[in-house]
Amino acid sequence: MEKLLIEERYMSKYGDYLTDYNVYCFKFQQPISAMTYAKIRWKAFYRLALNQNIAITKRIY
């Protein structure tokens, strides 16, 4: 789901014209809620940041 989200929203030919609403209502096999979409998007970008070693982690002492 994370891969589909990134590809459809940000890497597609018409990515500049797509909104988040269009992606979570029409691009997934079954429509998902806005809250679920936000969680998936956050997780996808966090994983990208971890893979590129640019994630900021907060240490608790």
N, C-alpha and C. Protein backbone atom coordinates (compact mmCIF):
# COMPACT_ATOMS: atom_id res chain seq x y z
N MET A 1 0.82 -1.19 0.00
CA MET A 1 0.00 0.00 0.00
C MET A 1 0.86 1.26 0.00
N GLU A 2 1.97 1.20 0.73
CA GLU A 2 2.85 2.35 0.79
C GLU A 2 3.48 2.63 -0.57
N LYS A 3 3.89 1.57 -1.24
CA LYS A 3 4.49 1.72 -2.56
C LYS A 3 3.48 2.30 -3.54
N LEU A 4 2.26 1.79 -3.53
CA LEU A 4 1.21 2.29 -4.42
C LEU A 4 0.95 3.76 -4.14
N LEU A 5 0.88 4.13 -2.90
CA LEU A 5 0.63 5.52 -2.53
C LEU A 5 1.71 6.44 -3.08
N ILE A 6 2.96 6.11 -2.86
CA ILE A 6 4.07 6.94 -3.32
C ILE A 6 4.08 7.03 -4.85
N GLU A 7 3.90 5.89 -5.51
CA GLU A 7 3.93 5.89 -6.97
C GLU A 7 2.78 6.68 -7.58
N GLU A 8 1.57 6.48 -7.07
CA GLU A 8 0.41 7.15 -7.64
C GLU A 8 0.38 8.65 -7.33
N ARG A 9 0.73 9.01 -6.11
CA ARG A 9 0.60 10.41 -5.71
C ARG A 9 1.77 11.27 -6.15
N TYR A 10 2.99 10.75 -6.07
CA TYR A 10 4.15 11.60 -6.27
C TYR A 10 4.99 11.26 -7.50
N MET A 11 4.87 10.05 -8.04
CA MET A 11 5.74 9.66 -9.14
C MET A 11 5.00 9.41 -10.46
N SER A 12 3.71 9.59 -10.49
CA SER A 12 2.96 9.36 -11.72
C SER A 12 3.09 10.58 -12.64
N LYS A 13 2.71 10.37 -13.87
CA LYS A 13 2.78 11.43 -14.88
C LYS A 13 1.93 12.64 -14.47
N TYR A 14 0.80 12.38 -13.85
CA TYR A 14 -0.12 13.44 -13.46
C TYR A 14 -0.08 13.72 -11.96
N GLY A 15 1.04 13.42 -11.33
CA GLY A 15 1.16 13.59 -9.88
C GLY A 15 0.95 15.01 -9.41
N ASP A 16 1.30 15.99 -10.25
CA ASP A 16 1.12 17.38 -9.86
C ASP A 16 -0.35 17.76 -9.78
N TYR A 17 -1.18 17.05 -10.49
CA TYR A 17 -2.59 17.39 -10.56
C TYR A 17 -3.48 16.52 -9.66
N LEU A 18 -2.92 15.44 -9.15
CA LEU A 18 -3.68 14.56 -8.26
C LEU A 18 -3.70 15.13 -6.85
N THR A 19 -4.80 14.96 -6.18
CA THR A 19 -4.87 15.34 -4.78
C THR A 19 -4.87 14.06 -3.94
N ASP A 20 -4.65 14.22 -2.66
CA ASP A 20 -4.69 13.07 -1.78
C ASP A 20 -6.06 12.40 -1.83
N TYR A 21 -7.10 13.21 -1.92
CA TYR A 21 -8.46 12.68 -1.97
C TYR A 21 -8.64 11.74 -3.16
N ASN A 22 -8.15 12.14 -4.32
CA ASN A 22 -8.26 11.29 -5.51
C ASN A 22 -7.52 9.98 -5.34
N VAL A 23 -6.41 10.01 -4.66
CA VAL A 23 -5.62 8.80 -4.48
C VAL A 23 -6.33 7.85 -3.53
N TYR A 24 -6.76 8.31 -2.36
CA TYR A 24 -7.34 7.36 -1.41
C TYR A 24 -8.76 6.96 -1.73
N CYS A 25 -9.43 7.69 -2.60
CA CYS A 25 -10.79 7.28 -2.99
C CYS A 25 -10.83 6.46 -4.26
N PHE A 26 -9.91 6.71 -5.19
CA PHE A 26 -10.05 6.10 -6.51
C PHE A 26 -8.89 5.21 -6.93
N LYS A 27 -7.70 5.36 -6.37
CA LYS A 27 -6.55 4.60 -6.85
C LYS A 27 -6.36 3.27 -6.12
N PHE A 28 -6.82 3.17 -4.89
CA PHE A 28 -6.72 1.91 -4.17
C PHE A 28 -7.85 0.99 -4.64
N GLN A 29 -7.66 -0.32 -4.45
CA GLN A 29 -8.69 -1.26 -4.87
C GLN A 29 -10.00 -0.99 -4.14
N GLN A 30 -9.90 -0.72 -2.86
CA GLN A 30 -11.06 -0.33 -2.07
C GLN A 30 -10.76 1.03 -1.47
N PRO A 31 -11.73 1.94 -1.50
CA PRO A 31 -11.49 3.26 -0.90
C PRO A 31 -11.15 3.13 0.59
N ILE A 32 -10.26 3.97 1.05
CA ILE A 32 -9.87 3.99 2.46
C ILE A 32 -10.19 5.37 3.02
N SER A 33 -10.20 5.47 4.32
CA SER A 33 -10.51 6.75 4.96
C SER A 33 -9.31 7.69 4.90
N ALA A 34 -9.58 8.95 5.13
CA ALA A 34 -8.51 9.95 5.12
C ALA A 34 -7.50 9.69 6.24
N MET A 35 -7.98 9.24 7.39
CA MET A 35 -7.08 8.97 8.51
C MET A 35 -6.17 7.79 8.21
N THR A 36 -6.71 6.74 7.62
CA THR A 36 -5.90 5.59 7.25
C THR A 36 -4.87 5.98 6.20
N TYR A 37 -5.28 6.79 5.24
CA TYR A 37 -4.36 7.28 4.20
C TYR A 37 -3.21 8.08 4.82
N ALA A 38 -3.53 8.92 5.79
CA ALA A 38 -2.51 9.72 6.45
C ALA A 38 -1.50 8.83 7.19
N LYS A 39 -1.98 7.78 7.83
CA LYS A 39 -1.09 6.86 8.54
C LYS A 39 -0.18 6.13 7.57
N ILE A 40 -0.74 5.67 6.46
CA ILE A 40 0.06 4.96 5.45
C ILE A 40 1.10 5.91 4.85
N ARG A 41 0.70 7.14 4.56
CA ARG A 41 1.64 8.12 3.97
C ARG A 41 2.77 8.43 4.95
N TRP A 42 2.44 8.61 6.23
CA TRP A 42 3.47 8.91 7.22
C TRP A 42 4.46 7.75 7.31
N LYS A 43 3.93 6.54 7.35
CA LYS A 43 4.78 5.36 7.45
C LYS A 43 5.67 5.21 6.21
N ALA A 44 5.13 5.51 5.04
CA ALA A 44 5.89 5.40 3.80
C ALA A 44 7.06 6.39 3.79
N PHE A 45 6.80 7.63 4.15
CA PHE A 45 7.87 8.63 4.16
C PHE A 45 8.88 8.37 5.26
N TYR A 46 8.44 7.83 6.38
CA TYR A 46 9.37 7.49 7.45
C TYR A 46 10.31 6.38 7.00
N ARG A 47 9.77 5.37 6.32
CA ARG A 47 10.62 4.29 5.82
C ARG A 47 11.60 4.79 4.77
N LEU A 48 11.16 5.71 3.91
CA LEU A 48 12.07 6.29 2.94
C LEU A 48 13.21 7.04 3.64
N ALA A 49 12.87 7.80 4.65
CA ALA A 49 13.88 8.55 5.40
C ALA A 49 14.86 7.60 6.10
N LEU A 50 14.37 6.52 6.66
CA LEU A 50 15.26 5.55 7.30
C LEU A 50 16.21 4.91 6.30
N ASN A 51 15.69 4.58 5.12
CA ASN A 51 16.52 3.95 4.10
C ASN A 51 17.58 4.89 3.57
N GLN A 52 17.33 6.17 3.60
CA GLN A 52 18.30 7.15 3.10
C GLN A 52 19.13 7.77 4.21
N ASN A 53 18.98 7.26 5.42
CA ASN A 53 19.70 7.74 6.60
C ASN A 53 19.50 9.23 6.85
N ILE A 54 18.29 9.71 6.66
CA ILE A 54 17.99 11.10 6.95
C ILE A 54 16.89 11.23 8.01
N ALA A 55 16.53 10.12 8.62
CA ALA A 55 15.48 10.16 9.64
C ALA A 55 16.04 10.75 10.92
N ILE A 56 15.23 11.53 11.58
CA ILE A 56 15.62 12.11 12.87
C ILE A 56 14.88 11.33 13.95
N THR A 57 15.63 10.73 14.82
CA THR A 57 15.01 9.98 15.91
C THR A 57 15.25 10.75 17.20
N LYS A 58 14.28 10.71 18.05
CA LYS A 58 14.35 11.43 19.31
C LYS A 58 14.78 10.46 20.40
N ARG A 59 15.83 10.81 21.09
CA ARG A 59 16.31 9.95 22.18
C ARG A 59 15.72 10.42 23.50
N ILE A 60 15.29 9.46 24.28
CA ILE A 60 14.74 9.76 25.60
C ILE A 60 15.76 9.28 26.63
N TYR A 61 16.19 10.18 27.47
CA TYR A 61 17.19 9.83 28.46
C TYR A 61 16.59 9.52 29.78
